[in-house]
């Protein structure tokens, strides 16, 4: 049974939550408190799994509460439930909150958010995963340029000029971003010659994802990986990201679709860099035809590259929708949800791009098969799948231009 502590200074809000969530009493041990100190006392009384808090409270703000919980109880899932729509608190919550929900919030959405967040945390704190990854000599830290860029973008006054100034400190990174911006993936009408121009054209969200992609591959470039395999993996990541971002009909969360697409196979880089012999054994087993690559990875390591990649991104503090999509992009049905989410978009994009470009057989190829039963339950019919296949062909061919492609840049 999950222990959940709800924090809000308004007694009526807590009473409404108590009534709305009454049906969950057999699954959640719920506690309702009205200030930060009472919440900390509740956490001290017994191991707690989740804290759901408002951010604006007279007796100690929710942001400060979450900071203290992160420091003293790092295992606790931290969720904001607030009617505050101000950018200042929203930006302040980014480093300390795993999820942000806006009041009024339906009981179903709150339930799904808690269950999904706890499920992902259970996965990332799986003892087998921690043992296999923690046994490595070292894990790479969050790339410096990306970390500095994230801090810059947290300032609501930041503009394209400020973003460009951060990236220009690293000339190799600057060149890589300009190369990507001018590639056929994004189809600019005329050549982009300045980094500020690239930021303005693609948008800060896209730039941040591209920089993280470029830095991730640079972090692992010293790994003993065939250059052609590495080139395929990066090209596959970009194509998957672009296609995933175009599978949504709304702009809500599209940055998560793209970022998760870019990073969905980062676990392969971790394995190649830190556990090359395990990757070799898994690839040889898969080549023998007795089992697929995912099954071979599980037999060799106890986990798959998807879970390892999610573990690293979780350590780096990336948004949970991105981490979730990376962790389950081969098995989206394991995520309790109803609407088409980032995990579904990456699952579909990864599989459709792999159909067209399967890649090498050294562990860096793409074993991806559509979970049709899951997609049909989401309301994705055969006509829609065929339309997505046609879109994938254009993405792989570098022809994804025009208004639909530009939607990912906003």
Protein backbone atom coordinates (compact mmCIF):
# COMPACT_ATOMS: atom_id res chain seq x y z
CA UNK A 1 0.00 0.00 0.00
CA UNK A 2 1.38 3.39 -1.02
CA UNK A 3 1.54 6.06 1.70
CA UNK A 4 0.50 9.44 0.30
CA UNK A 5 0.63 12.77 2.16
CA UNK A 6 -1.50 15.65 0.85
CA UNK A 7 -0.54 19.20 1.87
CA UNK A 8 -2.76 22.26 1.49
CA UNK A 9 -3.42 25.19 3.83
CA UNK A 10 -7.13 25.20 2.91
CA UNK A 11 -9.16 22.72 4.94
CA UNK A 12 -11.94 22.68 2.34
CA UNK A 13 -9.49 21.62 -0.38
CA UNK A 14 -8.22 18.75 1.77
CA UNK A 15 -11.78 17.68 2.58
CA UNK A 16 -12.65 17.68 -1.11
CA UNK A 17 -9.58 15.56 -1.86
CA UNK A 18 -10.53 13.15 0.93
CA UNK A 19 -14.00 12.70 -0.53
CA UNK A 20 -12.79 12.45 -4.13
CA UNK A 21 -10.20 9.80 -3.29
CA UNK A 22 -12.29 7.77 -0.84
CA UNK A 23 -12.42 4.86 -3.28
CA UNK A 24 -8.63 4.50 -3.06
CA UNK A 25 -8.46 3.89 0.69
CA UNK A 26 -7.71 0.19 0.18
CA UNK A 27 -4.74 0.99 -2.06
CA UNK A 28 -3.36 4.19 -0.52
CA UNK A 29 -2.66 5.08 3.09
CA UNK A 30 -3.64 8.76 2.84
CA UNK A 31 -2.78 11.56 5.25
CA UNK A 32 -4.01 15.17 4.95
CA UNK A 33 -2.08 18.05 6.59
CA UNK A 34 -2.31 21.85 6.37
CA UNK A 35 1.29 23.10 6.52
CA UNK A 36 4.87 22.21 5.67
CA UNK A 37 5.91 21.30 9.22
CA UNK A 38 3.01 18.90 9.61
CA UNK A 39 4.04 17.30 6.30
CA UNK A 40 7.63 16.86 7.50
CA UNK A 41 6.35 15.37 10.75
CA UNK A 42 4.23 12.91 8.76
CA UNK A 43 7.26 11.90 6.71
CA UNK A 44 9.26 11.39 9.90
CA UNK A 45 6.56 9.16 11.38
CA UNK A 46 6.64 6.52 8.64
CA UNK A 47 8.15 5.82 5.24
CA UNK A 48 6.14 7.82 2.70
CA UNK A 49 5.93 7.15 -1.03
CA UNK A 50 4.28 10.33 -2.37
CA UNK A 51 3.77 13.95 -1.30
CA UNK A 52 1.18 16.07 -3.11
CA UNK A 53 1.42 19.74 -2.13
CA UNK A 54 0.22 23.21 -3.00
CA UNK A 55 2.98 25.78 -3.61
CA UNK A 56 1.52 28.89 -1.99
CA UNK A 57 0.94 28.41 1.73
CA UNK A 58 1.31 30.94 4.55
CA UNK A 59 3.25 28.62 6.90
CA UNK A 60 6.15 27.67 4.65
CA UNK A 61 5.85 27.50 0.87
CA UNK A 62 5.45 24.30 -1.07
CA UNK A 63 8.65 24.86 -3.06
CA UNK A 64 10.76 25.05 0.10
CA UNK A 65 8.95 21.97 1.43
CA UNK A 66 9.79 20.04 -1.73
CA UNK A 67 13.44 21.13 -1.52
CA UNK A 68 13.67 19.81 2.02
CA UNK A 69 11.93 16.56 1.08
CA UNK A 70 14.30 16.08 -1.84
CA UNK A 71 17.25 16.48 0.52
CA UNK A 72 15.99 14.47 3.49
CA UNK A 73 13.68 11.94 1.79
CA UNK A 74 15.00 11.52 -1.79
CA UNK A 75 12.93 8.38 -2.40
CA UNK A 76 9.63 10.28 -2.07
CA UNK A 77 7.71 11.15 -5.25
CA UNK A 78 7.04 14.91 -5.23
CA UNK A 79 3.90 16.24 -6.97
CA UNK A 80 2.59 19.81 -7.06
CA UNK A 81 -1.18 20.34 -7.07
CA UNK A 82 -1.75 24.07 -7.34
CA UNK A 83 -3.98 26.77 -8.72
CA UNK A 84 -0.95 29.05 -9.09
CA UNK A 85 -0.29 29.73 -12.77
CA UNK A 86 2.61 32.15 -12.22
CA UNK A 87 5.82 31.46 -14.12
CA UNK A 88 8.03 32.21 -11.12
CA UNK A 89 6.76 29.29 -9.05
CA UNK A 90 6.49 27.05 -12.10
CA UNK A 91 10.18 27.56 -12.92
CA UNK A 92 11.16 27.21 -9.25
CA UNK A 93 9.34 23.86 -9.11
CA UNK A 94 11.18 22.35 -12.09
CA UNK A 95 14.21 21.06 -10.12
CA UNK A 96 12.22 19.78 -7.13
CA UNK A 97 8.85 18.53 -8.41
CA UNK A 98 8.39 15.37 -10.46
CA UNK A 99 4.96 16.44 -11.70
CA UNK A 100 2.86 19.63 -11.73
CA UNK A 101 -0.93 19.36 -11.71
CA UNK A 102 -3.26 22.35 -11.92
CA UNK A 103 -6.37 22.87 -9.78
CA UNK A 104 -9.09 21.92 -10.29
CA UNK A 105 -7.84 18.40 -10.93
CA UNK A 106 -10.08 15.38 -11.46
CA UNK A 107 -9.70 12.37 -9.20
CA UNK A 108 -8.94 10.21 -12.23
CA UNK A 109 -6.06 12.44 -13.35
CA UNK A 110 -4.62 12.62 -9.86
CA UNK A 111 -4.89 8.83 -9.50
CA UNK A 112 -3.25 8.20 -12.86
CA UNK A 113 -0.44 10.66 -12.14
CA UNK A 114 0.33 9.09 -8.77
CA UNK A 115 0.19 5.54 -10.14
CA UNK A 116 2.35 6.32 -13.18
CA UNK A 117 4.92 8.24 -11.18
CA UNK A 118 5.13 5.54 -8.52
CA UNK A 119 5.36 2.84 -11.18
CA UNK A 120 8.29 4.56 -12.85
CA UNK A 121 9.99 5.12 -9.51
CA UNK A 122 9.55 1.45 -8.64
CA UNK A 123 11.24 0.57 -11.92
CA UNK A 124 14.15 2.97 -11.45
CA UNK A 125 14.68 1.79 -7.87
CA UNK A 126 14.59 -1.87 -8.87
CA UNK A 127 17.44 -3.63 -7.06
CA UNK A 128 18.56 -5.55 -10.15
CA UNK A 129 18.80 -2.35 -12.18
CA UNK A 130 20.69 -0.49 -9.46
CA UNK A 131 23.07 -3.40 -9.05
CA UNK A 132 23.82 -3.78 -12.75
CA UNK A 133 24.27 -0.06 -13.42
CA UNK A 134 25.67 0.84 -10.01
CA UNK A 135 28.33 -1.82 -10.44
CA UNK A 136 29.91 0.17 -13.26
CA UNK A 137 32.96 2.25 -12.40
CA UNK A 138 31.22 5.51 -13.19
CA UNK A 139 28.20 7.00 -14.86
CA UNK A 140 28.47 10.18 -16.92
CA UNK A 141 27.20 13.35 -15.29
CA UNK A 142 24.64 15.68 -16.86
CA UNK A 143 26.40 17.38 -19.80
CA UNK A 144 27.64 20.85 -18.80
CA UNK A 145 26.31 22.85 -21.75
CA UNK A 146 22.85 21.33 -21.31
CA UNK A 147 22.88 22.03 -17.56
CA UNK A 148 23.87 25.67 -18.12
CA UNK A 149 21.27 26.01 -20.86
CA UNK A 150 18.57 24.64 -18.54
CA UNK A 151 19.51 27.27 -15.95
CA UNK A 152 19.35 30.01 -18.59
CA UNK A 153 15.94 28.91 -19.83
CA UNK A 154 14.63 28.93 -16.25
CA UNK A 155 14.90 32.73 -16.44
CA UNK A 156 11.63 34.06 -17.96
CA UNK A 157 13.63 36.93 -19.49
CA UNK A 158 15.76 34.54 -21.54
CA UNK A 159 15.67 35.01 -25.32
CA UNK A 160 17.37 33.51 -28.37
CA UNK A 161 20.42 35.73 -27.83
CA UNK A 162 20.94 34.41 -24.28
CA UNK A 163 20.57 30.79 -25.42
CA UNK A 164 23.02 31.33 -28.27
CA UNK A 165 25.54 32.89 -25.86
CA UNK A 166 25.57 29.70 -23.78
CA UNK A 167 26.07 27.37 -26.72
CA UNK A 168 28.71 29.58 -28.36
CA UNK A 169 31.05 28.88 -25.44
CA UNK A 170 31.55 25.45 -26.97
CA UNK A 171 32.51 25.83 -30.63
CA UNK A 172 32.18 22.12 -31.39
CA UNK A 173 28.65 22.17 -29.98
CA UNK A 174 27.88 25.36 -31.89
CA UNK A 175 28.94 23.71 -35.14
CA UNK A 176 26.87 20.62 -34.38
CA UNK A 177 23.70 22.61 -33.70
CA UNK A 178 24.14 24.60 -36.92
CA UNK A 179 24.68 21.36 -38.83
CA UNK A 180 21.50 19.87 -37.40
CA UNK A 181 19.47 23.03 -37.98
CA UNK A 182 20.50 23.06 -41.64
CA UNK A 183 19.90 19.36 -42.16
CA UNK A 184 17.06 17.95 -44.21
CA UNK A 185 15.38 16.92 -40.97
CA UNK A 186 14.22 20.49 -40.45
CA UNK A 187 14.13 21.77 -44.02
CA UNK A 188 15.09 25.45 -43.67
CA UNK A 189 14.20 27.54 -46.72
CA UNK A 190 17.60 29.18 -46.65
CA UNK A 191 20.89 28.35 -44.98
CA UNK A 192 21.11 29.31 -41.29
CA UNK A 193 24.53 30.83 -40.59
CA UNK A 194 24.21 32.07 -36.98
CA UNK A 195 23.43 30.22 -33.79
CA UNK A 196 20.94 32.89 -32.78
CA UNK A 197 19.21 32.31 -36.11
CA UNK A 198 19.10 28.57 -35.43
CA UNK A 199 17.54 29.17 -32.00
CA UNK A 200 14.93 31.53 -33.46
CA UNK A 201 14.11 29.12 -36.28
CA UNK A 202 13.86 25.91 -34.26
CA UNK A 203 12.74 27.30 -30.89
CA UNK A 204 14.39 26.95 -27.48
CA UNK A 205 12.70 23.63 -26.65
CA UNK A 206 13.98 22.02 -29.83
CA UNK A 207 17.45 23.50 -29.35
CA UNK A 208 17.65 22.14 -25.83
CA UNK A 209 16.79 18.62 -27.03
CA UNK A 210 19.25 18.82 -29.92
CA UNK A 211 22.03 20.00 -27.63
CA UNK A 212 21.36 17.19 -25.18
CA UNK A 213 21.39 14.70 -28.05
CA UNK A 214 24.68 16.02 -29.41
CA UNK A 215 26.28 16.12 -25.96
CA UNK A 216 25.11 12.64 -25.05
CA UNK A 217 26.73 11.20 -28.14
CA UNK A 218 29.90 13.19 -27.48
CA UNK A 219 30.03 11.92 -23.88
CA UNK A 220 30.02 8.34 -25.17
CA UNK A 221 32.16 8.81 -28.27
CA UNK A 222 35.16 7.27 -26.51
CA UNK A 223 33.29 3.98 -26.14
CA UNK A 224 34.51 1.14 -28.31
CA UNK A 225 31.68 1.43 -30.80
CA UNK A 226 31.99 1.12 -34.55
CA UNK A 227 31.70 4.60 -36.07
CA UNK A 228 29.02 3.47 -38.52
CA UNK A 229 26.95 2.00 -35.69
CA UNK A 230 27.23 5.23 -33.72
CA UNK A 231 26.28 7.27 -36.79
CA UNK A 232 23.25 5.04 -37.37
CA UNK A 233 22.16 5.35 -33.74
CA UNK A 234 22.30 9.15 -33.81
CA UNK A 235 20.48 9.36 -37.15
CA UNK A 236 17.85 6.93 -35.89
CA UNK A 237 17.41 9.03 -32.72
CA UNK A 238 16.79 12.23 -34.68
CA UNK A 239 14.38 10.61 -37.12
CA UNK A 240 12.49 8.95 -34.28
CA UNK A 241 12.30 12.27 -32.43
CA UNK A 242 11.00 14.20 -35.39
CA UNK A 243 8.39 11.57 -36.23
CA UNK A 244 7.31 11.22 -32.58
CA UNK A 245 6.76 14.97 -32.29
CA UNK A 246 4.58 14.93 -35.40
CA UNK A 247 2.30 12.16 -34.16
CA UNK A 248 0.51 14.46 -31.74
CA UNK A 249 -2.34 16.67 -32.91
CA UNK A 250 -1.81 19.18 -30.10
CA UNK A 251 1.11 21.29 -28.91
CA UNK A 252 0.68 20.14 -25.30
CA UNK A 253 3.78 18.20 -24.24
CA UNK A 254 5.25 18.03 -27.75
CA UNK A 255 8.68 18.88 -26.29
CA UNK A 256 8.52 15.65 -24.29
CA UNK A 257 7.70 13.69 -27.44
CA UNK A 258 10.78 15.06 -29.21
CA UNK A 259 13.17 14.82 -26.25
CA UNK A 260 12.15 11.23 -25.49
CA UNK A 261 12.58 10.33 -29.16
CA UNK A 262 16.07 11.80 -29.18
CA UNK A 263 17.08 9.91 -26.04
CA UNK A 264 15.13 6.65 -26.30
CA UNK A 265 18.21 4.51 -27.03
CA UNK A 266 20.69 6.27 -24.74
CA UNK A 267 20.84 3.04 -22.73
CA UNK A 268 22.62 1.37 -25.65
CA UNK A 269 25.41 3.94 -25.29
CA UNK A 270 25.63 3.31 -21.55
CA UNK A 271 25.94 -0.44 -22.09
CA UNK A 272 28.51 -0.06 -24.89
CA UNK A 273 30.58 2.32 -22.78
CA UNK A 274 30.40 0.64 -19.39
CA UNK A 275 29.46 -2.98 -20.10
CA UNK A 276 30.69 -3.80 -23.64
CA UNK A 277 31.12 -7.52 -22.97
CA UNK A 278 27.50 -7.85 -21.85
CA UNK A 279 26.35 -6.05 -24.99
CA UNK A 280 28.50 -8.35 -27.16
CA UNK A 281 27.02 -11.47 -25.54
CA UNK A 282 23.49 -10.16 -25.99
CA UNK A 283 24.12 -9.27 -29.65
CA UNK A 284 25.61 -12.71 -30.38
CA UNK A 285 22.64 -14.42 -28.74
CA UNK A 286 20.21 -12.32 -30.78
CA UNK A 287 22.11 -13.02 -34.00
CA UNK A 288 21.74 -16.75 -33.30
CA UNK A 289 18.02 -16.30 -33.83
CA UNK A 290 16.94 -18.05 -30.63
CA UNK A 291 15.69 -14.83 -29.00
CA UNK A 292 15.22 -11.17 -29.79
CA UNK A 293 17.64 -8.47 -28.66
CA UNK A 294 15.48 -7.36 -25.73
CA UNK A 295 15.23 -10.89 -24.39
CA UNK A 296 18.97 -11.36 -24.95
CA UNK A 297 19.70 -8.16 -23.01
CA UNK A 298 17.54 -9.33 -20.12
CA UNK A 299 19.31 -12.71 -20.10
CA UNK A 300 22.75 -11.07 -20.20
CA UNK A 301 22.18 -8.10 -17.88
CA UNK A 302 18.90 -8.65 -16.04
CA UNK A 303 17.51 -5.45 -17.58
CA UNK A 304 17.17 -3.89 -21.04
CA UNK A 305 18.82 -0.86 -22.59
CA UNK A 306 15.50 1.01 -22.21
CA UNK A 307 15.52 0.68 -18.43
CA UNK A 308 19.23 1.50 -18.20
CA UNK A 309 18.73 4.64 -20.29
CA UNK A 310 15.79 5.71 -18.13
CA UNK A 311 17.90 5.18 -15.01
CA UNK A 312 20.58 7.54 -16.31
CA UNK A 313 18.04 10.18 -17.37
CA UNK A 314 16.39 9.89 -13.97
CA UNK A 315 19.74 10.61 -12.32
CA UNK A 316 20.10 13.62 -14.60
CA UNK A 317 16.74 14.95 -13.46
CA UNK A 318 14.98 14.99 -16.83
CA UNK A 319 11.17 15.35 -16.79
CA UNK A 320 9.37 12.18 -15.77
CA UNK A 321 7.29 11.95 -19.00
CA UNK A 322 10.60 11.76 -20.90
CA UNK A 323 12.09 9.19 -18.52
CA UNK A 324 8.88 7.16 -18.64
CA UNK A 325 8.81 7.17 -22.45
CA UNK A 326 12.43 5.99 -22.60
CA UNK A 327 11.85 3.25 -20.00
CA UNK A 328 8.77 1.80 -21.69
CA UNK A 329 9.18 2.66 -25.36
CA UNK A 330 9.21 -1.05 -26.26
CA UNK A 331 6.38 -1.90 -23.83
CA UNK A 332 3.98 1.08 -23.63
CA UNK A 333 1.12 -1.08 -22.36
CA UNK A 334 2.92 -1.32 -19.01
CA UNK A 335 2.14 2.35 -18.37
CA UNK A 336 -1.37 2.88 -16.95
CA UNK A 337 -2.89 5.52 -19.23
CA UNK A 338 -5.69 6.09 -21.71
CA UNK A 339 -4.74 9.01 -23.98
CA UNK A 340 -1.96 9.00 -26.58
CA UNK A 341 1.16 9.92 -24.58
CA UNK A 342 4.88 10.47 -25.21
CA UNK A 343 5.59 6.80 -24.52
CA UNK A 344 3.17 5.81 -27.31
CA UNK A 345 4.59 8.33 -29.78
CA UNK A 346 8.16 7.13 -29.21
CA UNK A 347 7.04 3.48 -29.41
CA UNK A 348 5.37 4.06 -32.76
CA UNK A 349 8.10 6.29 -34.20
CA UNK A 350 10.89 3.93 -33.14
CA UNK A 351 9.15 0.95 -34.73
CA UNK A 352 8.22 2.70 -38.00
CA UNK A 353 11.70 4.16 -38.51
CA UNK A 354 13.23 0.74 -37.73
CA UNK A 355 10.99 -0.89 -40.33
CA UNK A 356 12.62 1.32 -42.95
CA UNK A 357 16.17 1.34 -41.55
CA UNK A 358 16.80 -1.68 -39.27
CA UNK A 359 20.50 -0.94 -38.80
CA UNK A 360 23.47 -3.16 -37.83
CA UNK A 361 23.35 -6.39 -35.82
CA UNK A 362 25.94 -5.44 -33.19
CA UNK A 363 23.44 -4.39 -30.51
CA UNK A 364 22.91 -0.98 -32.11
CA UNK A 365 20.28 -2.09 -34.56
CA UNK A 366 16.62 -1.57 -33.86
CA UNK A 367 14.42 -4.39 -32.70
CA UNK A 368 11.08 -2.62 -32.52
CA UNK A 369 7.67 -4.15 -33.11
CA UNK A 370 4.40 -2.28 -32.86
CA UNK A 371 2.14 -3.31 -30.01
CA UNK A 372 -1.02 -3.28 -32.12
CA UNK A 373 -3.32 -4.45 -29.32
CA UNK A 374 -2.22 -1.53 -27.16
CA UNK A 375 -2.59 0.97 -30.01
CA UNK A 376 -6.04 -0.29 -30.92
CA UNK A 377 -7.12 0.14 -27.28
CA UNK A 378 -6.01 3.77 -27.57
CA UNK A 379 -8.24 4.16 -30.62
CA UNK A 380 -5.47 4.04 -33.24
CA UNK A 381 -6.94 2.32 -36.28
CA UNK A 382 -5.31 0.79 -39.35
CA UNK A 383 -5.92 3.90 -41.48
CA UNK A 384 -4.08 6.04 -38.99
CA UNK A 385 -1.19 3.59 -38.85
CA UNK A 386 -0.83 3.65 -42.63
CA UNK A 387 -0.82 7.46 -42.59
CA UNK A 388 1.93 7.33 -39.96
CA UNK A 389 3.92 4.89 -42.10
CA UNK A 390 3.77 7.34 -45.00
CA UNK A 391 4.91 10.09 -42.66
CA UNK A 392 7.78 7.89 -41.48
CA UNK A 393 8.93 7.39 -45.06
CA UNK A 394 9.13 11.14 -45.52
CA UNK A 395 11.03 11.56 -42.24
CA UNK A 396 13.52 8.84 -43.11
CA UNK A 397 13.92 10.30 -46.57
CA UNK A 398 14.62 13.74 -45.11
CA UNK A 399 11.52 15.22 -46.72
CA UNK A 400 9.69 16.31 -43.57
CA UNK A 401 9.19 19.98 -44.31
CA UNK A 402 6.29 22.39 -44.35
CA UNK A 403 3.74 23.32 -41.67
CA UNK A 404 3.49 19.86 -40.10
CA UNK A 405 7.25 19.65 -39.60
CA UNK A 406 7.38 23.18 -38.25
CA UNK A 407 4.87 22.27 -35.53
CA UNK A 408 7.71 20.58 -33.62
CA UNK A 409 9.66 23.84 -33.49
CA UNK A 410 7.23 25.80 -31.37
